[in-house]
PDB file of all heavy atoms in Angstrom:
ATOM      1  N   ALA A   1     -16.609  -6.711  -7.653  1.00  0.00           N
ATOM      2  CA  ALA A   1     -15.492  -5.967  -8.215  1.00  0.00           C
ATOM      3  C   ALA A   1     -15.720  -4.470  -8.031  1.00  0.00           C
ATOM      4  O   ALA A   1     -16.701  -3.921  -8.533  1.00  0.00           O
ATOM      5  CB  ALA A   1     -15.327  -6.296  -9.697  1.00  0.00           C
ATOM      6  N   ARG A   2     -14.821  -3.819  -7.305  1.00  0.00           N
ATOM      7  CA  ARG A   2     -14.934  -2.375  -7.058  1.00  0.00           C
ATOM      8  C   ARG A   2     -13.628  -1.880  -6.456  1.00  0.00           C
ATOM      9  O   ARG A   2     -12.763  -2.665  -6.058  1.00  0.00           O
ATOM     10  CB  ARG A   2     -16.083  -2.081  -6.091  1.00  0.00           C
ATOM     11  CG  ARG A   2     -15.879  -2.668  -4.697  1.00  0.00           C
ATOM     12  CD  ARG A   2     -16.999  -2.301  -3.752  1.00  0.00           C
ATOM     13  NE  ARG A   2     -16.740  -2.766  -2.398  1.00  0.00           N
ATOM     14  CZ  ARG A   2     -16.032  -2.088  -1.478  1.00  0.00           C
ATOM     15  NH1 ARG A   2     -15.510  -0.905  -1.791  1.00  0.00           N
ATOM     16  NH2 ARG A   2     -15.840  -2.578  -0.265  1.00  0.00           N
ATOM     17  N   ASP A   3     -13.491  -0.566  -6.370  1.00  0.00           N
ATOM     18  CA  ASP A   3     -12.358  -0.008  -5.652  1.00  0.00           C
ATOM     19  C   ASP A   3     -12.439  -0.451  -4.196  1.00  0.00           C
ATOM     20  O   ASP A   3     -13.505  -0.392  -3.583  1.00  0.00           O
ATOM     21  CB  ASP A   3     -12.378   1.526  -5.724  1.00  0.00           C
ATOM     22  CG  ASP A   3     -12.072   2.057  -7.116  1.00  0.00           C
ATOM     23  OD1 ASP A   3     -11.366   1.358  -7.857  1.00  0.00           O
ATOM     24  OD2 ASP A   3     -12.549   3.152  -7.464  1.00  0.00           O
ATOM     25  N   GLY A   4     -11.337  -0.900  -3.654  1.00  0.00           N
ATOM     26  CA  GLY A   4     -11.332  -1.372  -2.280  1.00  0.00           C
ATOM     27  C   GLY A   4     -11.507  -2.867  -2.155  1.00  0.00           C
ATOM     28  O   GLY A   4     -11.492  -3.408  -1.044  1.00  0.00           O
ATOM     29  N   MET A   5     -11.666  -3.582  -3.281  1.00  0.00           N
ATOM     30  CA  MET A   5     -11.909  -5.018  -3.211  1.00  0.00           C
ATOM     31  C   MET A   5     -10.694  -5.779  -2.673  1.00  0.00           C
ATOM     32  O   MET A   5     -10.842  -6.852  -2.093  1.00  0.00           O
ATOM     33  CB  MET A   5     -12.326  -5.570  -4.573  1.00  0.00           C
ATOM     34  CG  MET A   5     -11.254  -5.491  -5.648  1.00  0.00           C
ATOM     35  SD  MET A   5     -11.813  -6.156  -7.251  1.00  0.00           S
ATOM     36  CE  MET A   5     -11.794  -7.925  -6.944  1.00  0.00           C
ATOM     37  N   LEU A   6      -9.488  -5.222  -2.844  1.00  0.00           N
ATOM     38  CA  LEU A   6      -8.298  -5.918  -2.354  1.00  0.00           C
ATOM     39  C   LEU A   6      -8.295  -5.993  -0.833  1.00  0.00           C
ATOM     40  O   LEU A   6      -7.993  -7.037  -0.255  1.00  0.00           O
ATOM     41  CB  LEU A   6      -7.030  -5.213  -2.848  1.00  0.00           C
ATOM     42  CG  LEU A   6      -6.856  -5.116  -4.369  1.00  0.00           C
ATOM     43  CD1 LEU A   6      -5.507  -4.496  -4.699  1.00  0.00           C
ATOM     44  CD2 LEU A   6      -6.995  -6.481  -5.026  1.00  0.00           C
ATOM     45  N   LEU A   7      -8.631  -4.879  -0.200  1.00  0.00           N
ATOM     46  CA  LEU A   7      -8.715  -4.890   1.267  1.00  0.00           C
ATOM     47  C   LEU A   7      -9.839  -5.796   1.742  1.00  0.00           C
ATOM     48  O   LEU A   7      -9.696  -6.519   2.734  1.00  0.00           O
ATOM     49  CB  LEU A   7      -8.920  -3.468   1.793  1.00  0.00           C
ATOM     50  CG  LEU A   7      -7.677  -2.571   1.847  1.00  0.00           C
ATOM     51  CD1 LEU A   7      -8.050  -1.172   2.306  1.00  0.00           C
ATOM     52  CD2 LEU A   7      -6.619  -3.156   2.770  1.00  0.00           C
ATOM     53  N   ASP A   8     -10.980  -5.760   1.033  1.00  0.00           N
ATOM     54  CA  ASP A   8     -12.093  -6.655   1.371  1.00  0.00           C
ATOM     55  C   ASP A   8     -11.632  -8.116   1.311  1.00  0.00           C
ATOM     56  O   ASP A   8     -11.950  -8.928   2.188  1.00  0.00           O
ATOM     57  CB  ASP A   8     -13.261  -6.459   0.404  1.00  0.00           C
ATOM     58  CG  ASP A   8     -13.976  -5.128   0.601  1.00  0.00           C
ATOM     59  OD1 ASP A   8     -13.764  -4.508   1.652  1.00  0.00           O
ATOM     60  OD2 ASP A   8     -14.734  -4.726  -0.297  1.00  0.00           O
ATOM     61  N   MET A   9     -10.875  -8.431   0.275  1.00  0.00           N
ATOM     62  CA  MET A   9     -10.409  -9.793   0.067  1.00  0.00           C
ATOM     63  C   MET A   9      -9.509 -10.258   1.210  1.00  0.00           C
ATOM     64  O   MET A   9      -9.652 -11.363   1.739  1.00  0.00           O
ATOM     65  CB  MET A   9      -9.669  -9.860  -1.270  1.00  0.00           C
ATOM     66  CG  MET A   9      -9.482 -11.252  -1.826  1.00  0.00           C
ATOM     67  SD  MET A   9      -8.817 -11.182  -3.509  1.00  0.00           S
ATOM     68  CE  MET A   9     -10.200 -10.461  -4.386  1.00  0.00           C
ATOM     69  N   LEU A  10      -8.580  -9.389   1.593  1.00  0.00           N
ATOM     70  CA  LEU A  10      -7.671  -9.742   2.686  1.00  0.00           C
ATOM     71  C   LEU A  10      -8.411  -9.853   4.008  1.00  0.00           C
ATOM     72  O   LEU A  10      -8.129 -10.738   4.822  1.00  0.00           O
ATOM     73  CB  LEU A  10      -6.554  -8.706   2.788  1.00  0.00           C
ATOM     74  CG  LEU A  10      -5.558  -8.677   1.617  1.00  0.00           C
ATOM     75  CD1 LEU A  10      -4.555  -7.540   1.795  1.00  0.00           C
ATOM     76  CD2 LEU A  10      -4.826 -10.003   1.483  1.00  0.00           C
ATOM     77  N   ASP A  11      -9.366  -8.952   4.225  1.00  0.00           N
ATOM     78  CA  ASP A  11     -10.148  -9.004   5.465  1.00  0.00           C
ATOM     79  C   ASP A  11     -10.930 -10.312   5.571  1.00  0.00           C
ATOM     80  O   ASP A  11     -10.979 -10.953   6.633  1.00  0.00           O
ATOM     81  CB  ASP A  11     -11.115  -7.816   5.543  1.00  0.00           C
ATOM     82  CG  ASP A  11     -10.417  -6.521   5.920  1.00  0.00           C
ATOM     83  OD1 ASP A  11      -9.320  -6.599   6.512  1.00  0.00           O
ATOM     84  OD2 ASP A  11     -10.968  -5.446   5.639  1.00  0.00           O
ATOM     85  N   ILE A  12     -11.591 -10.713   4.461  1.00  0.00           N
ATOM     86  CA  ILE A  12     -12.364 -11.958   4.458  1.00  0.00           C
ATOM     87  C   ILE A  12     -11.444 -13.154   4.668  1.00  0.00           C
ATOM     88  O   ILE A  12     -11.739 -14.063   5.450  1.00  0.00           O
ATOM     89  CB  ILE A  12     -13.148 -12.108   3.136  1.00  0.00           C
ATOM     90  CG1 ILE A  12     -14.220 -11.015   3.025  1.00  0.00           C
ATOM     91  CG2 ILE A  12     -13.794 -13.497   3.040  1.00  0.00           C
ATOM     92  CD1 ILE A  12     -14.873 -10.931   1.657  1.00  0.00           C
ATOM     93  N   ALA A  13     -10.298 -13.148   3.957  1.00  0.00           N
ATOM     94  CA  ALA A  13      -9.349 -14.255   4.079  1.00  0.00           C
ATOM     95  C   ALA A  13      -8.823 -14.378   5.501  1.00  0.00           C
ATOM     96  O   ALA A  13      -8.699 -15.483   6.049  1.00  0.00           O
ATOM     97  CB  ALA A  13      -8.192 -14.062   3.102  1.00  0.00           C
ATOM     98  N   ALA A  14      -8.530 -13.229   6.124  1.00  0.00           N
ATOM     99  CA  ALA A  14      -8.002 -13.239   7.495  1.00  0.00           C
ATOM    100  C   ALA A  14      -9.055 -13.704   8.491  1.00  0.00           C
ATOM    101  O   ALA A  14      -8.766 -14.497   9.396  1.00  0.00           O
ATOM    102  CB  ALA A  14      -7.508 -11.842   7.861  1.00  0.00           C
ATOM    103  N   ARG A  15     -10.280 -13.247   8.302  1.00  0.00           N
ATOM    104  CA  ARG A  15     -11.353 -13.591   9.236  1.00  0.00           C
ATOM    105  C   ARG A  15     -11.787 -15.048   9.085  1.00  0.00           C
ATOM    106  O   ARG A  15     -11.805 -15.814  10.055  1.00  0.00           O
ATOM    107  CB  ARG A  15     -12.539 -12.661   8.999  1.00  0.00           C
ATOM    108  CG  ARG A  15     -13.733 -12.910   9.933  1.00  0.00           C
ATOM    109  CD  ARG A  15     -14.956 -12.171   9.418  1.00  0.00           C
ATOM    110  NE  ARG A  15     -15.421 -12.722   8.154  1.00  0.00           N
ATOM    111  CZ  ARG A  15     -15.972 -11.997   7.192  1.00  0.00           C
ATOM    112  NH1 ARG A  15     -16.097 -10.688   7.320  1.00  0.00           N
ATOM    113  NH2 ARG A  15     -16.389 -12.575   6.077  1.00  0.00           N
ATOM    114  N   ASP A  16     -12.134 -15.432   7.843  1.00  0.00           N
ATOM    115  CA  ASP A  16     -12.689 -16.771   7.631  1.00  0.00           C
ATOM    116  C   ASP A  16     -11.617 -17.853   7.555  1.00  0.00           C
ATOM    117  O   ASP A  16     -11.911 -19.035   7.723  1.00  0.00           O
ATOM    118  CB  ASP A  16     -13.534 -16.785   6.354  1.00  0.00           C
ATOM    119  CG  ASP A  16     -14.753 -15.875   6.463  1.00  0.00           C
ATOM    120  OD1 ASP A  16     -15.069 -15.445   7.589  1.00  0.00           O
ATOM    121  OD2 ASP A  16     -15.387 -15.599   5.425  1.00  0.00           O
ATOM    122  N   GLY A  17     -10.376 -17.450   7.286  1.00  0.00           N
ATOM    123  CA  GLY A  17      -9.298 -18.430   7.206  1.00  0.00           C
ATOM    124  C   GLY A  17      -8.639 -18.722   8.540  1.00  0.00           C
ATOM    125  O   GLY A  17      -7.814 -19.630   8.648  1.00  0.00           O
ATOM    126  N   LYS A  18      -9.028 -17.989   9.559  1.00  0.00           N
ATOM    127  CA  LYS A  18      -8.378 -18.123  10.864  1.00  0.00           C
ATOM    128  C   LYS A  18      -8.448 -19.526  11.463  1.00  0.00           C
ATOM    129  O   LYS A  18      -7.504 -19.972  12.117  1.00  0.00           O
ATOM    130  CB  LYS A  18      -8.952 -17.096  11.837  1.00  0.00           C
ATOM    131  CG  LYS A  18      -8.056 -16.864  13.045  1.00  0.00           C
ATOM    132  CD  LYS A  18      -8.472 -15.625  13.815  1.00  0.00           C
ATOM    133  CE  LYS A  18      -7.487 -15.358  14.950  1.00  0.00           C
ATOM    134  NZ  LYS A  18      -7.825 -14.122  15.694  1.00  0.00           N
ATOM    135  N   PRO A  19      -9.549 -20.287  11.276  1.00  0.00           N
ATOM    136  CA  PRO A  19      -9.580 -21.643  11.835  1.00  0.00           C
ATOM    137  C   PRO A  19      -8.435 -22.537  11.353  1.00  0.00           C
ATOM    138  O   PRO A  19      -8.025 -23.450  12.057  1.00  0.00           O
ATOM    139  CB  PRO A  19     -10.930 -22.191  11.358  1.00  0.00           C
ATOM    140  CG  PRO A  19     -11.779 -20.980  11.173  1.00  0.00           C
ATOM    141  CD  PRO A  19     -10.846 -19.933  10.658  1.00  0.00           C
ATOM    142  N   TRP A  20      -7.922 -22.290  10.150  1.00  0.00           N
ATOM    143  CA  TRP A  20      -6.851 -23.120   9.596  1.00  0.00           C
ATOM    144  C   TRP A  20      -5.465 -22.491   9.754  1.00  0.00           C
ATOM    145  O   TRP A  20      -4.489 -23.202   9.876  1.00  0.00           O
ATOM    146  CB  TRP A  20      -7.103 -23.384   8.108  1.00  0.00           C
ATOM    147  CG  TRP A  20      -8.398 -24.071   7.843  1.00  0.00           C
ATOM    148  CD1 TRP A  20      -8.733 -25.343   8.179  1.00  0.00           C
ATOM    149  CD2 TRP A  20      -9.537 -23.509   7.194  1.00  0.00           C
ATOM    150  NE1 TRP A  20     -10.007 -25.635   7.774  1.00  0.00           N
ATOM    151  CE2 TRP A  20     -10.542 -24.518   7.156  1.00  0.00           C
ATOM    152  CE3 TRP A  20      -9.830 -22.274   6.610  1.00  0.00           C
ATOM    153  CZ2 TRP A  20     -11.792 -24.319   6.579  1.00  0.00           C
ATOM    154  CZ3 TRP A  20     -11.071 -22.072   6.042  1.00  0.00           C
ATOM    155  CH2 TRP A  20     -12.043 -23.075   6.037  1.00  0.00           C
ATOM    156  N   VAL A  21      -5.408 -21.179   9.692  1.00  0.00           N
ATOM    157  CA  VAL A  21      -4.094 -20.510   9.740  1.00  0.00           C
ATOM    158  C   VAL A  21      -4.088 -19.463  10.846  1.00  0.00           C
ATOM    159  O   VAL A  21      -3.556 -18.358  10.676  1.00  0.00           O
ATOM    160  CB  VAL A  21      -3.747 -19.879   8.368  1.00  0.00           C
ATOM    161  CG1 VAL A  21      -3.481 -20.957   7.332  1.00  0.00           C
ATOM    162  CG2 VAL A  21      -4.859 -18.955   7.888  1.00  0.00           C
ATOM    163  N   GLY A  22      -4.666 -19.810  11.988  1.00  0.00           N
ATOM    164  CA  GLY A  22      -4.763 -18.859  13.089  1.00  0.00           C
ATOM    165  C   GLY A  22      -3.430 -18.340  13.547  1.00  0.00           C
ATOM    166  O   GLY A  22      -3.306 -17.173  13.951  1.00  0.00           O
ATOM    167  N   ASP A  23      -2.388 -19.194  13.460  1.00  0.00           N
ATOM    168  CA  ASP A  23      -1.077 -18.753  13.916  1.00  0.00           C
ATOM    169  C   ASP A  23      -0.551 -17.593  13.080  1.00  0.00           C
ATOM    170  O   ASP A  23       0.244 -16.783  13.542  1.00  0.00           O
ATOM    171  CB  ASP A  23      -0.089 -19.919  13.874  1.00  0.00           C
ATOM    172  CG  ASP A  23      -0.022 -20.569  12.488  1.00  0.00           C
ATOM    173  OD1 ASP A  23      -1.056 -20.602  11.794  1.00  0.00           O
ATOM    174  OD2 ASP A  23       1.072 -21.041  12.120  1.00  0.00           O
ATOM    175  N   LEU A  24      -1.007 -17.524  11.834  1.00  0.00           N
ATOM    176  CA  LEU A  24      -0.571 -16.436  10.952  1.00  0.00           C
ATOM    177  C   LEU A  24      -1.146 -15.099  11.399  1.00  0.00           C
ATOM    178  O   LEU A  24      -0.594 -14.044  11.112  1.00  0.00           O
ATOM    179  CB  LEU A  24      -1.028 -16.733   9.513  1.00  0.00           C
ATOM    180  CG  LEU A  24      -0.498 -15.841   8.389  1.00  0.00           C
ATOM    181  CD1 LEU A  24       1.012 -15.980   8.272  1.00  0.00           C
ATOM    182  CD2 LEU A  24      -1.171 -16.198   7.070  1.00  0.00           C
ATOM    183  N   PHE A  25      -2.271 -15.170  12.149  1.00  0.00           N
ATOM    184  CA  PHE A  25      -2.963 -13.939  12.538  1.00  0.00           C
ATOM    185  C   PHE A  25      -3.042 -13.748  14.043  1.00  0.00           C
ATOM    186  O   PHE A  25      -3.864 -12.979  14.535  1.00  0.00           O
ATOM    187  CB  PHE A  25      -4.383 -13.949  11.953  1.00  0.00           C
ATOM    188  CG  PHE A  25      -4.419 -14.105  10.470  1.00  0.00           C
ATOM    189  CD1 PHE A  25      -4.892 -15.280   9.887  1.00  0.00           C
ATOM    190  CD2 PHE A  25      -3.964 -13.104   9.641  1.00  0.00           C
ATOM    191  CE1 PHE A  25      -4.915 -15.442   8.519  1.00  0.00           C
ATOM    192  CE2 PHE A  25      -3.982 -13.260   8.265  1.00  0.00           C
ATOM    193  CZ  PHE A  25      -4.456 -14.425   7.704  1.00  0.00           C
ATOM    194  N   ASP A  26      -2.213 -14.460  14.768  1.00  0.00           N
ATOM    195  CA  ASP A  26      -2.252 -14.341  16.223  1.00  0.00           C
ATOM    196  C   ASP A  26      -2.046 -12.910  16.698  1.00  0.00           C
ATOM    197  O   ASP A  26      -2.649 -12.467  17.673  1.00  0.00           O
ATOM    198  CB  ASP A  26      -1.200 -15.255  16.870  1.00  0.00           C
ATOM    199  CG  ASP A  26      -1.653 -16.709  16.864  1.00  0.00           C
ATOM    200  OD1 ASP A  26      -2.863 -16.926  16.656  1.00  0.00           O
ATOM    201  OD2 ASP A  26      -0.804 -17.587  17.046  1.00  0.00           O
ATOM    202  N   ASP A  27      -1.181 -12.186  15.997  1.00  0.00           N
ATOM    203  CA  ASP A  27      -0.946 -10.797  16.400  1.00  0.00           C
ATOM    204  C   ASP A  27      -1.491  -9.816  15.367  1.00  0.00           C
ATOM    205  O   ASP A  27      -1.060  -8.684  15.268  1.00  0.00           O
ATOM    206  CB  ASP A  27       0.547 -10.546  16.608  1.00  0.00           C
ATOM    207  CG  ASP A  27       1.369 -10.813  15.353  1.00  0.00           C
ATOM    208  OD1 ASP A  27       0.799 -11.362  14.391  1.00  0.00           O
ATOM    209  OD2 ASP A  27       2.560 -10.466  15.336  1.00  0.00           O
ATOM    210  N   PHE A  28      -2.496 -10.296  14.609  1.00  0.00           N
ATOM    211  CA  PHE A  28      -3.086  -9.484  13.548  1.00  0.00           C
ATOM    212  C   PHE A  28      -4.101  -8.485  14.109  1.00  0.00           C
ATOM    213  O   PHE A  28      -4.901  -8.817  14.962  1.00  0.00           O
ATOM    214  CB  PHE A  28      -3.772 -10.426  12.550  1.00  0.00           C
ATOM    215  CG  PHE A  28      -4.658  -9.734  11.562  1.00  0.00           C
ATOM    216  CD1 PHE A  28      -4.136  -9.064  10.485  1.00  0.00           C
ATOM    217  CD2 PHE A  28      -6.036  -9.755  11.719  1.00  0.00           C
ATOM    218  CE1 PHE A  28      -4.962  -8.436   9.573  1.00  0.00           C
ATOM    219  CE2 PHE A  28      -6.868  -9.132  10.818  1.00  0.00           C
ATOM    220  CZ  PHE A  28      -6.321  -8.470   9.736  1.00  0.00           C
ATOM    221  N   ALA A  29      -4.033  -7.258  13.632  1.00  0.00           N
ATOM    222  CA  ALA A  29      -4.991  -6.239  14.063  1.00  0.00           C
ATOM    223  C   ALA A  29      -5.836  -5.727  12.905  1.00  0.00           C
ATOM    224  O   ALA A  29      -7.008  -5.447  13.048  1.00  0.00           O
ATOM    225  CB  ALA A  29      -4.282  -5.081  14.735  1.00  0.00           C
ATOM    226  N   GLY A  30      -5.236  -5.600  11.732  1.00  0.00           N
ATOM    227  CA  GLY A  30      -6.017  -5.124  10.601  1.00  0.00           C
ATOM    228  C   GLY A  30      -5.154  -4.651   9.456  1.00  0.00           C
ATOM    229  O   GLY A  30      -3.969  -4.350   9.628  1.00  0.00           O
ATOM    230  N   PHE A  31      -5.753  -4.611   8.252  1.00  0.00           N
ATOM    231  CA  PHE A  31      -5.056  -4.121   7.074  1.00  0.00           C
ATOM    232  C   PHE A  31      -5.442  -2.672   6.811  1.00  0.00           C
ATOM    233  O   PHE A  31      -6.529  -2.230   7.144  1.00  0.00           O
ATOM    234  CB  PHE A  31      -5.453  -4.953   5.841  1.00  0.00           C
ATOM    235  CG  PHE A  31      -4.974  -6.369   5.872  1.00  0.00           C
ATOM    236  CD1 PHE A  31      -5.846  -7.399   6.202  1.00  0.00           C
ATOM    237  CD2 PHE A  31      -3.665  -6.678   5.567  1.00  0.00           C
ATOM    238  CE1 PHE A  31      -5.422  -8.713   6.216  1.00  0.00           C
ATOM    239  CE2 PHE A  31      -3.222  -7.994   5.579  1.00  0.00           C
ATOM    240  CZ  PHE A  31      -4.107  -9.014   5.901  1.00  0.00           C
ATOM    241  N   SER A  32      -4.553  -1.942   6.168  1.00  0.00           N
ATOM    242  CA  SER A  32      -4.871  -0.596   5.711  1.00  0.00           C
ATOM    243  C   SER A  32      -4.036  -0.310   4.480  1.00  0.00           C
ATOM    244  O   SER A  32      -2.991  -0.927   4.258  1.00  0.00           O
ATOM    245  CB  SER A  32      -4.578   0.451   6.799  1.00  0.00           C
ATOM    246  OG  SER A  32      -3.206   0.442   7.134  1.00  0.00           O
ATOM    247  N   VAL A  33      -4.518   0.622   3.662  1.00  0.00           N
ATOM    248  CA  VAL A  33      -3.814   0.945   2.423  1.00  0.00           C
ATOM    249  C   VAL A  33      -2.553   1.721   2.742  1.00  0.00           C
ATOM    250  O   VAL A  33      -2.574   2.691   3.498  1.00  0.00           O
ATOM    251  CB  VAL A  33      -4.718   1.777   1.489  1.00  0.00           C
ATOM    252  CG1 VAL A  33      -3.962   2.148   0.220  1.00  0.00           C
ATOM    253  CG2 VAL A  33      -5.985   0.994   1.148  1.00  0.00           C
ATOM    254  N   GLY A  34      -1.443   1.294   2.145  1.00  0.00           N
ATOM    255  CA  GLY A  34      -0.184   1.991   2.345  1.00  0.00           C
ATOM    256  C   GLY A  34      -0.050   3.178   1.416  1.00  0.00           C
ATOM    257  O   GLY A  34      -0.944   3.487   0.631  1.00  0.00           O
ATOM    258  N   ALA A  35       1.075   3.810   1.475  1.00  0.00           N
ATOM    259  CA  ALA A  35       1.277   5.039   0.707  1.00  0.00           C
ATOM    260  C   ALA A  35       1.691   4.768  -0.728  1.00  0.00           C
ATOM    261  O   ALA A  35       1.576   5.631  -1.585  1.00  0.00           O
ATOM    262  CB  ALA A  35       2.340   5.898   1.390  1.00  0.00           C
ATOM    263  N   LEU A  36       2.175   3.562  -1.020  1.00  0.00           N
ATOM    264  CA  LEU A  36       2.741   3.289  -2.338  1.00  0.00           C
ATOM    265  C   LEU A  36       1.835   2.373  -3.153  1.00  0.00           C
ATOM    266  O   LEU A  36       1.927   1.151  -3.073  1.00  0.00           O
ATOM    267  CB  LEU A  36       4.134   2.648  -2.186  1.00  0.00           C
ATOM    268  CG  LEU A  36       5.147   3.482  -1.389  1.00  0.00           C
ATOM    269  CD1 LEU A  36       6.420   2.670  -1.182  1.00  0.00           C
ATOM    270  CD2 LEU A  36       5.446   4.784  -2.106  1.00  0.00           C
ATOM    271  N   GLY A  37       0.931   2.961  -3.899  1.00  0.00           N
ATOM    272  CA  GLY A  37       0.078   2.194  -4.794  1.00  0.00           C
ATOM    273  C   GLY A  37      -0.666   1.082  -4.092  1.00  0.00           C
ATOM    274  O   GLY A  37      -1.543   1.330  -3.272  1.00  0.00           O
ATOM    275  N   PHE A  38      -0.292  -0.179  -4.403  1.00  0.00           N
ATOM    276  CA  PHE A  38      -0.984  -1.315  -3.819  1.00  0.00           C
ATOM    277  C   PHE A  38      -0.263  -1.869  -2.606  1.00  0.00           C
ATOM    278  O   PHE A  38      -0.449  -3.014  -2.237  1.00  0.00           O
ATOM    279  CB  PHE A  38      -1.169  -2.417  -4.877  1.00  0.00           C
ATOM    280  CG  PHE A  38      -2.161  -2.038  -5.928  1.00  0.00           C
ATOM    281  CD1 PHE A  38      -1.748  -1.663  -7.188  1.00  0.00           C
ATOM    282  CD2 PHE A  38      -3.509  -2.019  -5.644  1.00  0.00           C
ATOM    283  CE1 PHE A  38      -2.663  -1.300  -8.147  1.00  0.00           C
ATOM    284  CE2 PHE A  38      -4.438  -1.659  -6.601  1.00  0.00           C
ATOM    285  CZ  PHE A  38      -4.007  -1.295  -7.860  1.00  0.00           C
ATOM    286  N   SER A  39       0.578  -1.060  -1.996  1.00  0.00           N
ATOM    287  CA  SER A  39       1.200  -1.521  -0.758  1.00  0.00           C
ATOM    288  C   SER A  39       0.142  -1.527   0.337  1.00  0.00           C
ATOM    289  O   SER A  39      -0.719  -0.661   0.401  1.00  0.00           O
ATOM    290  CB  SER A  39       2.365  -0.609  -0.358  1.00  0.00           C
ATOM    291  OG  SER A  39       1.906   0.682  -0.040  1.00  0.00           O
ATOM    292  N   ILE A  40       0.202  -2.539   1.167  1.00  0.00           N
ATOM    293  CA  ILE A  40      -0.768  -2.717   2.241  1.00  0.00           C
ATOM    294  C   ILE A  40      -0.015  -2.778   3.559  1.00  0.00           C
ATOM    295  O   ILE A  40       1.005  -3.465   3.675  1.00  0.00           O
ATOM    296  CB  ILE A  40      -1.573  -4.020   2.063  1.00  0.00           C
ATOM    297  CG1 ILE A  40      -2.184  -4.099   0.659  1.00  0.00           C
ATOM    298  CG2 ILE A  40      -2.628  -4.166   3.128  1.00  0.00           C
ATOM    299  CD1 ILE A  40      -3.307  -3.134   0.396  1.00  0.00           C
ATOM    300  N   SER A  41      -0.511  -2.076   4.545  1.00  0.00           N
ATOM    301  CA  SER A  41       0.084  -2.140   5.880  1.00  0.00           C
ATOM    302  C   SER A  41      -0.715  -3.102   6.738  1.00  0.00           C
ATOM    303  O   SER A  41      -1.941  -3.107   6.705  1.00  0.00           O
ATOM    304  CB  SER A  41       0.082  -0.756   6.537  1.00  0.00           C
ATOM    305  OG  SER A  41       0.964   0.117   5.863  1.00  0.00           O
TER     306      SER A  41
END
């Protein structure tokens, strides 16, 4: 638990979840913090 844990969570989910949901990330490049609070790009 720390600042930045949300991005860590999405990164881990995207990386380790790819064997099952690879189609969801076929054109995935990466997450980044958006300008509006917890918005994620």
